[in-house]
Amino acid sequence: MINPLADTPKFEPNPASFDGFVRAKNARLVDGAGREVLLRGVGLGNWMLPEGYMWRFGPGAESPREIERYTERLLGVAGAEKFWDSFRTNFIAEGDIALIAASGFNHVRLPVNSRVIQDENGAPIEAGYAMIDRLIEWCRAHKLWVLLDLHGAPGGQTGTNIDDSPQNLPELFLEPRYRELTVRLWRDLAARYRDETVVLGYDLLNEPLPNEWQYSHADALVELYRDLTREIRAIDPDHLIVYEGTHWSTNWDIFTEVWDENSLLQFHKYWSSPDTASITTFLQVRDRLGLPIYMGEGGENTLEWLYAAFRMYETHDIGWNFWPWKKIDTLTSPVSIVPPEGWDNVVASIHDPTAISPDEAVRAFSDLVDNMKIDNCRWQPNVVAALLAARPAVIPAWGYGYRGPGESFSVAATGGIEGIRAEDRVPLRWAREGNNPANPFEQTDGRAYQPLEEVVLDLSPGDWVEYELAGTNSARVVDAEGVDSAVEVERTERGIRVIATGHTTISRIYSLSGGQTW
């Protein structure tokens, strides 16, 4: 369908360096030569731990176990085994890694399902480790670090479909056997990769203990983190250790002291206001403990939200990882797999076995394997452009800089909307008053904003706001009706400054190709 590398805009390369280990220093990360590192990466979700929503599946086929059972029902045991072998060969291949590197990223986060690399008795599964080894070699060739992320721990650390928990409970914290297997798993990983500088670090547990479990078992998580740290350090003194908070990595109450000087604290952020108030707790913990912090998962939203949220992280010197790189029929990832003919019937058959015949199912899954190859996918560089602020296609009015008054904005009037950058007192308002949502940022599928979700910015003559970006030579500034706003646009060192020439409203800024003047 496309040649992604040929069709990729020329994003600035950001190669990793393997001359030593990435480590924590003075609340930041540095590479082996002591140069400060800002992590910019993507998550390789669905490869080693399939998630139903990435296939457009729903209840009944959401966790890896459920998806595996479903493919066996449709394809038979032998057919399903053949499919999964092909899936693991083709869903992520060297072409994906080359395109990630060419798109300006410097690392990937690899979500690992323990069942792929460890059997029920704790022994390593070499076929699973071969996937990690293969990825490391590709990343070595294309200058990307690899963060190993235990996304599905033995027994499950969340009790939801995303960790493949067998009983939909966080049995890692309920059954000693699973705890022992997890400790052994990290010992094995540390022993295998302790000398590998392509490996960025060890992300011990993804999103542990959500919902009510964050309160009842937080002490058990702290104890496990301490034990895992001790076991890893007995084998590997060099790699970065990454700790995530509870409740989808948003609750950092457990981080009251430093467990390891060479560590990184991780939070996740989805579907919420992209303002500094929303990450203040994380910034305060960084300052108090002197450890670097990392936004390890965020995405599944509009280009506007991505642009604003990721500018906020970088303004506060927070490295990040976008979720995910690739899935089926999506607007919100850089790579979209075109669903094969009959895929709607595959989805329908989860609850209606008559929706697809065995021959049709075999054909659909065979075509899916071909479609997931990077050369056959739909490449969506505007997602990357929004993340990197490199010629972003669209910027929301509320995505102005995060450096405060006099640096990112200067306005005569004050105002704002509660919960949306309210600390700035910039005159944001709803484009249309009515039953406006408490949270207008829940566009999980990247859909367009509804009229009652639209936020605009009123400016008085002489007011200005700055938007940080690179590589754009011209832009158009419009109000909520798409009419040109009464503004002038100037270049600045960090991007562009929009200056009101009269009383006006702005809704969006659109990058335009070509031209040397505004």
Protein backbone atom coordinates (compact mmCIF):
# COMPACT_ATOMS: atom_id res chain seq x y z
CA MET A 1 0.00 0.00 0.00
CA ILE A 2 2.70 2.48 0.98
CA ASN A 3 6.38 2.77 1.47
CA PRO A 4 6.44 4.30 4.96
CA LEU A 5 10.11 5.22 4.94
CA ALA A 6 9.81 6.93 1.57
CA ASP A 7 6.62 8.70 2.64
CA THR A 8 7.88 9.79 6.04
CA PRO A 9 8.32 13.54 6.58
CA LYS A 10 11.88 14.36 7.52
CA PHE A 11 11.65 14.24 11.29
CA GLU A 12 14.83 15.16 13.15
CA PRO A 13 16.77 12.00 14.07
CA ASN A 14 17.20 11.33 17.77
CA PRO A 15 19.49 8.29 18.00
CA ALA A 16 20.20 6.43 21.21
CA SER A 17 23.77 5.98 22.38
CA PHE A 18 25.01 2.62 23.61
CA ASP A 19 28.39 3.66 25.03
CA GLY A 20 27.38 2.82 28.58
CA PHE A 21 24.15 2.61 30.56
CA VAL A 22 21.41 5.24 30.84
CA ARG A 23 21.28 6.29 34.49
CA ALA A 24 19.63 8.71 36.87
CA LYS A 25 21.51 11.85 37.88
CA ASN A 26 20.18 14.94 39.67
CA ALA A 27 16.53 14.13 38.90
CA ARG A 28 17.28 13.71 35.19
CA LEU A 29 18.51 10.91 32.93
CA VAL A 30 21.96 10.84 31.33
CA ASP A 31 23.51 8.44 28.86
CA GLY A 32 26.80 6.58 29.24
CA ALA A 33 28.77 9.69 28.24
CA GLY A 34 26.97 11.86 30.79
CA ARG A 35 24.82 13.71 28.26
CA GLU A 36 21.30 14.54 29.42
CA VAL A 37 18.62 12.41 27.75
CA LEU A 38 14.98 13.30 27.09
CA LEU A 39 13.17 10.07 26.33
CA ARG A 40 10.81 10.13 23.36
CA GLY A 41 9.38 6.77 22.42
CA VAL A 42 6.50 4.50 21.49
CA GLY A 43 5.01 1.42 23.12
CA LEU A 44 4.94 -1.85 21.22
CA GLY A 45 1.57 -2.85 22.63
CA ASN A 46 -0.24 -5.98 21.37
CA TRP A 47 2.87 -7.85 20.19
CA MET A 48 3.80 -9.94 23.23
CA LEU A 49 0.55 -9.20 25.08
CA PRO A 50 -2.50 -8.84 22.81
CA GLU A 51 -5.25 -6.48 23.97
CA GLY A 52 -8.74 -6.90 22.59
CA TYR A 53 -9.48 -3.26 21.84
CA MET A 54 -6.52 -3.15 19.45
CA TRP A 55 -8.30 -5.81 17.37
CA ARG A 56 -11.69 -4.01 17.67
CA PHE A 57 -12.79 -6.86 19.95
CA GLY A 58 -14.96 -6.36 23.02
CA PRO A 59 -16.13 -8.46 25.98
CA GLY A 60 -15.40 -12.13 25.42
CA ALA A 61 -12.12 -11.50 23.59
CA GLU A 62 -10.27 -8.83 25.57
CA SER A 63 -7.40 -10.52 27.42
CA PRO A 64 -4.67 -12.59 25.74
CA ARG A 65 -6.19 -15.80 27.15
CA GLU A 66 -9.59 -14.90 25.77
CA ILE A 67 -8.20 -13.91 22.37
CA GLU A 68 -6.21 -17.15 22.18
CA ARG A 69 -9.30 -19.21 23.01
CA TYR A 70 -11.27 -17.30 20.41
CA THR A 71 -8.73 -17.92 17.66
CA GLU A 72 -8.74 -21.62 18.56
CA ARG A 73 -12.53 -21.65 18.25
CA LEU A 74 -12.37 -20.05 14.80
CA LEU A 75 -9.22 -21.64 13.39
CA GLY A 76 -8.77 -24.85 15.35
CA VAL A 77 -5.81 -25.57 17.60
CA ALA A 78 -3.31 -26.13 14.76
CA GLY A 79 -4.60 -23.18 12.77
CA ALA A 80 -4.43 -20.88 15.78
CA GLU A 81 -0.88 -21.95 16.53
CA LYS A 82 0.11 -21.21 12.94
CA PHE A 83 -1.57 -17.81 13.14
CA TRP A 84 0.22 -16.81 16.36
CA ASP A 85 3.59 -17.83 14.93
CA SER A 86 2.93 -15.60 11.93
CA PHE A 87 1.55 -12.81 14.11
CA ARG A 88 4.69 -12.67 16.27
CA THR A 89 6.86 -12.62 13.16
CA ASN A 90 4.97 -9.86 11.39
CA PHE A 91 3.20 -7.57 13.87
CA ILE A 92 6.53 -6.02 14.89
CA ALA A 93 9.40 -6.53 12.47
CA GLU A 94 12.58 -4.68 11.60
CA GLY A 95 10.65 -2.43 9.22
CA ASP A 96 8.64 -1.12 12.16
CA ILE A 97 11.80 -0.41 14.13
CA ALA A 98 13.41 1.37 11.17
CA LEU A 99 10.35 3.59 10.80
CA ILE A 100 10.23 4.35 14.53
CA ALA A 101 13.86 5.46 14.43
CA ALA A 102 13.32 7.48 11.25
CA SER A 103 10.40 9.25 12.94
CA GLY A 104 12.54 10.92 15.60
CA PHE A 105 12.09 8.55 18.55
CA ASN A 106 14.93 7.24 20.71
CA HIS A 107 13.40 4.25 22.49
CA VAL A 108 10.63 1.68 22.55
CA ARG A 109 8.80 0.28 25.56
CA LEU A 110 8.21 -3.46 25.19
CA PRO A 111 5.17 -4.81 27.07
CA VAL A 112 5.97 -8.42 28.04
CA ASN A 113 3.47 -11.11 29.02
CA SER A 114 5.13 -13.45 31.51
CA ARG A 115 3.45 -16.46 29.88
CA VAL A 116 5.45 -15.81 26.71
CA ILE A 117 8.86 -16.03 28.42
CA GLN A 118 8.24 -18.19 31.52
CA ASP A 119 6.43 -21.52 31.91
CA GLU A 120 4.21 -22.49 34.86
CA ASN A 121 7.20 -23.89 36.76
CA GLY A 122 9.28 -20.73 36.28
CA ALA A 123 11.59 -22.03 33.56
CA PRO A 124 12.49 -19.63 30.73
CA ILE A 125 10.74 -20.11 27.38
CA GLU A 126 13.41 -19.58 24.77
CA ALA A 127 10.98 -18.84 21.94
CA GLY A 128 9.70 -15.87 23.92
CA TYR A 129 13.15 -14.63 24.81
CA ALA A 130 14.06 -14.92 21.13
CA MET A 131 11.46 -12.21 20.39
CA ILE A 132 13.16 -9.87 22.88
CA ASP A 133 16.62 -10.72 21.54
CA ARG A 134 15.46 -10.08 17.99
CA LEU A 135 14.04 -6.71 18.98
CA ILE A 136 17.26 -5.74 20.74
CA GLU A 137 19.30 -6.49 17.63
CA TRP A 138 16.97 -4.43 15.43
CA CYS A 139 17.14 -1.58 17.91
CA ARG A 140 20.91 -1.79 18.06
CA ALA A 141 21.03 -1.42 14.29
CA HIS A 142 18.61 1.52 14.27
CA LYS A 143 19.80 3.29 17.46
CA LEU A 144 16.84 2.81 19.82
CA TRP A 145 16.87 1.87 23.48
CA VAL A 146 14.52 -0.88 24.70
CA LEU A 147 12.63 -0.55 27.99
CA LEU A 148 11.52 -3.98 29.25
CA ASP A 149 8.03 -3.62 30.70
CA LEU A 150 6.43 -6.48 32.68
CA HIS A 151 2.92 -5.80 31.42
CA GLY A 152 1.47 -9.14 32.48
CA ALA A 153 3.08 -10.49 35.65
CA PRO A 154 2.48 -14.07 36.83
CA GLY A 155 -1.03 -14.17 38.28
CA GLY A 156 -1.71 -10.60 37.20
CA GLN A 157 -0.91 -7.32 38.92
CA THR A 158 -4.14 -5.48 38.03
CA GLY A 159 -6.90 -8.09 37.94
CA THR A 160 -8.10 -6.82 34.55
CA ASN A 161 -7.77 -7.98 30.95
CA ILE A 162 -4.65 -5.87 30.32
CA ASP A 163 -2.43 -8.13 32.46
CA ASP A 164 -3.80 -11.52 31.34
CA SER A 165 -4.75 -12.41 34.93
CA PRO A 166 -6.30 -15.90 34.93
CA GLN A 167 -9.02 -15.13 37.52
CA ASN A 168 -9.49 -11.41 36.91
CA LEU A 169 -7.83 -10.76 40.25
CA PRO A 170 -4.37 -9.32 41.06
CA GLU A 171 -3.21 -12.74 42.23
CA LEU A 172 0.41 -11.63 42.19
CA PHE A 173 -0.46 -10.07 45.57
CA LEU A 174 -2.77 -12.85 46.72
CA GLU A 175 -0.89 -16.07 45.94
CA PRO A 176 2.73 -16.57 47.14
CA ARG A 177 3.44 -18.84 44.16
CA TYR A 178 2.92 -15.99 41.70
CA ARG A 179 5.11 -13.68 43.74
CA GLU A 180 7.92 -16.24 43.65
CA LEU A 181 7.54 -16.62 39.88
CA THR A 182 7.73 -12.84 39.42
CA VAL A 183 10.91 -12.60 41.46
CA ARG A 184 12.43 -15.41 39.44
CA LEU A 185 11.35 -13.77 36.20
CA TRP A 186 13.17 -10.54 37.01
CA ARG A 187 16.24 -12.47 38.16
CA ASP A 188 16.27 -14.25 34.80
CA LEU A 189 15.81 -11.02 32.84
CA ALA A 190 18.57 -9.28 34.80
CA ALA A 191 20.96 -12.19 34.32
CA ARG A 192 20.31 -12.31 30.59
CA TYR A 193 20.55 -8.57 29.89
CA ARG A 194 22.83 -7.17 32.61
CA ASP A 195 25.58 -6.30 30.12
CA GLU A 196 23.27 -5.08 27.32
CA THR A 197 23.39 -1.30 26.92
CA VAL A 198 20.62 -1.35 24.29
CA VAL A 199 18.32 -2.20 27.20
CA LEU A 200 17.26 1.09 28.79
CA GLY A 201 16.01 -0.38 32.04
CA TYR A 202 13.56 -2.62 33.85
CA ASP A 203 9.92 -1.46 34.23
CA LEU A 204 8.99 -3.77 37.10
CA LEU A 205 5.18 -3.79 36.89
CA ASN A 206 2.73 -2.08 34.57
CA GLU A 207 -0.15 -0.21 36.26
CA PRO A 208 -0.31 -2.31 39.44
CA LEU A 209 -3.29 -2.38 41.81
CA PRO A 210 -6.01 -0.22 40.27
CA ASN A 211 -9.30 0.77 41.86
CA GLU A 212 -9.96 -0.62 45.35
CA TRP A 213 -6.75 -2.67 45.28
CA GLN A 214 -4.65 0.51 45.46
CA TYR A 215 -5.74 0.92 49.07
CA SER A 216 -5.82 -2.64 50.34
CA HIS A 217 -2.50 -3.91 48.95
CA ALA A 218 -0.23 -0.88 48.59
CA ASP A 219 2.08 -2.12 51.36
CA ALA A 220 2.45 -5.45 49.57
CA LEU A 221 3.46 -3.62 46.39
CA VAL A 222 6.12 -1.61 48.23
CA GLU A 223 7.49 -4.80 49.76
CA LEU A 224 7.58 -6.48 46.35
CA TYR A 225 9.33 -3.49 44.78
CA ARG A 226 11.96 -3.62 47.52
CA ASP A 227 12.48 -7.35 47.06
CA LEU A 228 12.70 -7.10 43.27
CA THR A 229 15.20 -4.26 43.57
CA ARG A 230 17.39 -6.28 45.92
CA GLU A 231 17.26 -9.37 43.68
CA ILE A 232 18.05 -7.40 40.52
CA ARG A 233 20.89 -5.47 42.13
CA ALA A 234 22.51 -8.70 43.28
CA ILE A 235 22.88 -9.55 39.57
CA ASP A 236 22.84 -6.24 37.71
CA PRO A 237 24.25 -3.10 39.34
CA ASP A 238 23.91 -0.89 36.26
CA HIS A 239 20.48 -0.83 34.65
CA LEU A 240 17.84 1.72 35.47
CA ILE A 241 14.98 0.37 37.61
CA VAL A 242 11.54 1.83 36.84
CA TYR A 243 8.73 1.93 39.40
CA GLU A 244 5.08 2.70 38.57
CA GLY A 245 2.47 4.02 40.98
CA THR A 246 -0.84 2.33 41.73
CA HIS A 247 -4.24 2.91 40.09
CA TRP A 248 -3.16 2.90 36.45
CA SER A 249 0.15 4.50 37.50
CA THR A 250 -1.57 7.70 38.64
CA ASN A 251 -1.42 7.31 42.44
CA TRP A 252 2.07 8.03 43.77
CA ASP A 253 1.35 7.81 47.49
CA ILE A 254 3.76 4.88 47.78
CA PHE A 255 6.75 6.98 46.75
CA THR A 256 7.90 8.36 50.09
CA GLU A 257 11.59 7.44 49.92
CA VAL A 258 14.31 6.41 47.49
CA TRP A 259 14.61 2.65 47.11
CA ASP A 260 17.40 2.79 44.55
CA GLU A 261 19.47 5.80 43.50
CA ASN A 262 19.50 4.66 39.88
CA SER A 263 15.75 4.60 39.39
CA LEU A 264 12.98 6.30 37.44
CA LEU A 265 9.40 6.94 38.58
CA GLN A 266 6.65 6.45 36.01
CA PHE A 267 3.14 7.84 35.63
CA HIS A 268 0.53 7.40 32.91
CA LYS A 269 -1.90 10.00 31.58
CA TYR A 270 -4.98 9.53 29.42
CA TRP A 271 -8.21 11.42 28.71
CA SER A 272 -7.69 14.30 31.12
CA SER A 273 -6.86 17.98 30.97
CA PRO A 274 -3.34 18.60 29.64
CA ASP A 275 -2.40 21.14 32.29
CA THR A 276 0.35 21.44 34.85
CA ALA A 277 -2.10 21.10 37.73
CA SER A 278 -2.76 17.52 36.62
CA ILE A 279 0.90 16.52 37.05
CA THR A 280 1.82 18.69 40.05
CA THR A 281 2.01 15.70 42.40
CA PHE A 282 4.52 14.00 40.14
CA LEU A 283 6.65 17.13 39.90
CA GLN A 284 6.61 17.51 43.68
CA VAL A 285 7.74 13.91 44.19
CA ARG A 286 10.58 14.45 41.72
CA ASP A 287 11.73 17.50 43.64
CA ARG A 288 11.41 15.83 47.03
CA LEU A 289 13.16 12.55 46.16
CA GLY A 290 15.57 13.85 43.53
CA LEU A 291 14.62 11.12 41.04
CA PRO A 292 13.77 11.55 37.35
CA ILE A 293 10.18 10.98 36.26
CA TYR A 294 8.68 9.57 33.06
CA MET A 295 5.28 9.60 31.38
CA GLY A 296 5.33 5.96 30.32
CA GLU A 297 1.92 5.68 28.65
CA GLY A 298 -0.37 8.24 27.09
CA GLY A 299 -2.22 8.66 23.84
CA GLU A 300 -5.48 7.35 22.36
CA ASN A 301 -6.69 10.90 21.71
CA THR A 302 -6.89 13.69 19.15
CA LEU A 303 -4.01 15.44 17.43
CA GLU A 304 -4.88 18.56 19.43
CA TRP A 305 -4.62 16.78 22.78
CA LEU A 306 -1.40 15.01 21.81
CA TYR A 307 0.25 18.25 20.78
CA ALA A 308 -0.67 20.01 24.04
CA ALA A 309 0.00 17.17 26.49
CA PHE A 310 3.39 16.26 25.06
CA ARG A 311 4.51 19.91 25.01
CA MET A 312 3.63 20.03 28.69
CA TYR A 313 5.80 17.00 29.46
CA GLU A 314 8.79 18.37 27.60
CA THR A 315 8.48 21.84 29.13
CA HIS A 316 8.80 20.16 32.53
CA ASP A 317 11.74 17.96 31.38
CA ILE A 318 9.67 14.79 31.48
CA GLY A 319 10.56 12.05 29.04
CA TRP A 320 7.66 10.12 27.53
CA ASN A 321 6.41 7.07 25.70
CA PHE A 322 3.36 7.18 23.43
CA TRP A 323 0.83 4.32 23.44
CA PRO A 324 0.64 2.43 21.12
CA TRP A 325 2.62 2.28 17.88
CA LYS A 326 0.19 0.15 15.85
CA LYS A 327 -3.31 -1.32 15.95
CA ILE A 328 -6.20 -2.25 13.68
CA ASP A 329 -8.29 0.46 12.00
CA THR A 330 -7.29 3.44 14.12
CA LEU A 331 -6.92 7.21 13.91
CA THR A 332 -4.91 7.50 17.11
CA SER A 333 -1.71 5.56 16.36
CA PRO A 334 1.05 6.34 13.86
CA VAL A 335 0.38 3.02 12.13
CA SER A 336 -3.07 1.64 11.32
CA ILE A 337 -3.61 -1.92 10.10
CA VAL A 338 -6.26 -2.03 7.40
CA PRO A 339 -8.89 -4.55 8.53
CA PRO A 340 -9.18 -7.44 6.08
CA GLU A 341 -12.38 -8.28 4.26
CA GLY A 342 -14.75 -10.02 6.65
CA TRP A 343 -13.23 -8.56 9.81
CA ASP A 344 -16.58 -7.19 10.95
CA ASN A 345 -17.85 -10.76 10.87
CA VAL A 346 -14.88 -11.91 12.92
CA VAL A 347 -15.80 -9.32 15.54
CA ALA A 348 -19.50 -10.23 15.43
CA SER A 349 -18.71 -13.92 15.84
CA ILE A 350 -17.46 -13.36 19.39
CA HIS A 351 -21.12 -13.46 20.46
CA ASP A 352 -22.71 -14.97 17.34
CA PRO A 353 -20.81 -18.05 16.12
CA THR A 354 -22.92 -18.10 12.95
CA ALA A 355 -21.56 -14.72 11.83
CA ILE A 356 -18.59 -16.27 10.01
CA SER A 357 -17.80 -19.64 8.46
CA PRO A 358 -14.57 -21.55 9.17
CA ASP A 359 -13.24 -20.86 5.66
CA GLU A 360 -14.03 -17.15 5.94
CA ALA A 361 -12.29 -17.00 9.33
CA VAL A 362 -9.15 -18.67 7.99
CA ARG A 363 -9.06 -16.24 5.08
CA ALA A 364 -9.63 -13.19 7.32
CA PHE A 365 -6.82 -14.10 9.72
CA SER A 366 -4.47 -14.95 6.87
CA ASP A 367 -5.18 -11.59 5.27
CA LEU A 368 -4.71 -9.89 8.63
CA VAL A 369 -1.15 -11.24 8.84
CA ASP A 370 -0.38 -9.70 5.45
CA ASN A 371 -2.06 -6.42 6.32
CA MET A 372 -0.08 -5.97 9.56
CA LYS A 373 3.24 -5.91 7.71
CA ILE A 374 4.49 -2.35 7.88
CA ASP A 375 4.58 -1.86 4.10
CA ASN A 376 0.88 -2.73 3.91
CA CYS A 377 -0.28 -0.48 6.77
CA ARG A 378 -1.71 3.03 6.65
CA TRP A 379 0.99 5.45 7.78
CA GLN A 380 -0.30 8.46 9.78
CA PRO A 381 2.63 10.86 10.24
CA ASN A 382 0.38 13.60 11.64
CA VAL A 383 0.29 11.63 14.90
CA VAL A 384 4.09 11.75 15.08
CA ALA A 385 4.11 15.42 14.09
CA ALA A 386 1.76 16.23 16.97
CA LEU A 387 3.91 14.33 19.47
CA LEU A 388 7.13 16.02 18.36
CA ALA A 389 5.63 19.43 17.48
CA ALA A 390 7.33 19.01 14.10
CA ARG A 391 5.09 20.74 11.57
CA PRO A 392 1.95 19.74 13.51
CA ALA A 393 -1.15 19.72 11.33
CA VAL A 394 -3.33 21.40 13.94
CA ILE A 395 -2.80 23.15 17.27
CA PRO A 396 -5.65 23.95 19.68
CA ALA A 397 -5.95 27.45 21.10
CA TRP A 398 -5.63 25.92 24.58
CA GLY A 399 -2.28 24.34 23.64
CA TYR A 400 -0.26 27.53 24.20
CA GLY A 401 3.07 27.16 26.03
CA TYR A 402 3.50 26.04 29.63
CA ARG A 403 6.11 28.55 30.78
CA GLY A 404 3.77 31.03 32.42
CA PRO A 405 2.89 34.71 31.90
CA GLY A 406 5.45 36.79 30.06
CA GLU A 407 6.99 33.66 28.55
CA SER A 408 4.08 31.80 26.98
CA PHE A 409 1.30 34.37 27.06
CA SER A 410 0.36 37.95 27.87
CA VAL A 411 -3.35 38.82 28.18
CA ALA A 412 -5.19 41.86 29.48
CA ALA A 413 -8.37 40.10 30.57
CA THR A 414 -8.53 37.08 32.85
CA GLY A 415 -10.94 34.20 32.94
CA GLY A 416 -10.87 30.51 32.23
CA ILE A 417 -12.70 27.23 32.64
CA GLU A 418 -12.44 25.24 35.85
CA GLY A 419 -10.23 22.21 35.34
CA ILE A 420 -8.72 23.36 32.03
CA ARG A 421 -5.48 25.27 32.61
CA ALA A 422 -7.35 27.33 35.20
CA GLU A 423 -4.13 28.28 37.01
CA ASP A 424 -3.12 30.47 34.05
CA ARG A 425 -6.23 32.69 34.31
CA VAL A 426 -6.19 32.98 30.51
CA PRO A 427 -9.65 33.80 29.04
CA LEU A 428 -10.56 30.37 27.73
CA ARG A 429 -14.28 29.70 27.33
CA TRP A 430 -16.67 27.22 25.81
CA ALA A 431 -17.31 27.93 22.15
CA ARG A 432 -20.94 27.11 22.79
CA GLU A 433 -22.48 27.42 26.25
CA GLY A 434 -24.82 24.65 27.34
CA ASN A 435 -24.49 21.24 28.88
CA ASN A 436 -20.70 21.34 28.60
CA PRO A 437 -18.87 18.24 29.83
CA ALA A 438 -16.82 18.25 33.01
CA ASN A 439 -14.06 16.62 30.94
CA PRO A 440 -13.98 17.47 27.21
CA PHE A 441 -10.87 15.33 26.55
CA GLU A 442 -12.33 11.82 26.27
CA GLN A 443 -11.93 11.32 22.52
CA THR A 444 -10.64 7.76 22.96
CA ASP A 445 -10.95 6.96 19.26
CA GLY A 446 -9.63 10.32 18.03
CA ARG A 447 -13.08 11.50 16.97
CA ALA A 448 -13.70 15.19 16.29
CA TYR A 449 -14.73 17.41 19.18
CA GLN A 450 -18.46 17.88 19.56
CA PRO A 451 -19.72 21.50 19.55
CA LEU A 452 -20.23 21.51 23.33
CA GLU A 453 -16.67 20.19 23.82
CA GLU A 454 -15.00 22.99 21.88
CA VAL A 455 -12.83 25.40 23.91
CA VAL A 456 -11.75 28.75 22.45
CA LEU A 457 -9.54 31.64 23.58
CA ASP A 458 -10.64 35.28 23.56
CA LEU A 459 -7.93 37.88 22.94
CA SER A 460 -7.91 41.65 23.26
CA PRO A 461 -5.81 43.94 21.04
CA GLY A 462 -2.12 43.41 21.81
CA ASP A 463 -2.65 40.12 23.67
CA TRP A 464 -0.36 37.32 22.58
CA VAL A 465 0.12 33.58 23.06
CA GLU A 466 3.07 31.43 22.04
CA TYR A 467 2.89 27.95 20.54
CA GLU A 468 6.01 25.79 20.54
CA LEU A 469 6.78 23.96 17.32
CA ALA A 470 9.40 23.48 14.65
CA GLY A 471 9.54 23.32 10.87
CA THR A 472 6.47 25.34 9.94
CA ASN A 473 6.80 28.27 7.54
CA SER A 474 3.21 29.46 7.55
CA ALA A 475 0.00 29.01 9.50
CA ARG A 476 -3.66 29.94 9.53
CA VAL A 477 -5.41 30.99 12.77
CA VAL A 478 -9.21 30.55 12.89
CA ASP A 479 -12.12 30.86 15.30
CA ALA A 480 -14.68 28.17 16.11
CA GLU A 481 -16.58 28.90 12.89
CA GLY A 482 -13.45 28.49 10.77
CA VAL A 483 -13.21 32.22 10.07
CA ASP A 484 -9.77 33.82 10.09
CA SER A 485 -8.99 35.44 13.44
CA ALA A 486 -7.81 39.07 13.69
CA VAL A 487 -4.19 38.25 14.47
CA GLU A 488 -0.63 38.53 13.27
CA VAL A 489 1.82 35.67 13.60
CA GLU A 490 5.50 36.12 14.39
CA ARG A 491 8.30 33.63 14.58
CA THR A 492 9.95 33.09 17.96
CA GLU A 493 12.92 31.01 19.03
CA ARG A 494 10.54 28.32 20.32
CA GLY A 495 7.87 28.48 17.60
CA ILE A 496 5.27 31.13 16.82
CA ARG A 497 3.59 34.01 18.65
CA VAL A 498 -0.04 34.81 17.80
CA ILE A 499 -0.75 38.51 18.44
CA ALA A 500 -4.27 39.92 18.45
CA THR A 501 -4.79 42.98 16.21
CA GLY A 502 -8.30 43.50 17.55
CA HIS A 503 -10.85 41.80 19.78
CA THR A 504 -10.88 38.27 18.44
CA THR A 505 -11.33 34.61 19.22
CA ILE A 506 -9.04 31.75 18.26
CA SER A 507 -9.91 28.07 18.12
CA ARG A 508 -7.13 26.42 16.13
CA ILE A 509 -3.87 27.07 14.35
CA TYR A 510 -3.26 25.10 11.15
CA SER A 511 0.22 24.57 9.79
CA LEU A 512 0.49 25.32 6.10
CA SER A 513 3.15 23.90 3.81
CA GLY A 514 5.49 26.13 1.89
CA GLY A 515 5.85 29.88 2.03
CA GLN A 516 8.36 32.04 3.82
CA THR A 517 6.07 34.57 5.49
CA TRP A 518 3.11 34.43 7.81
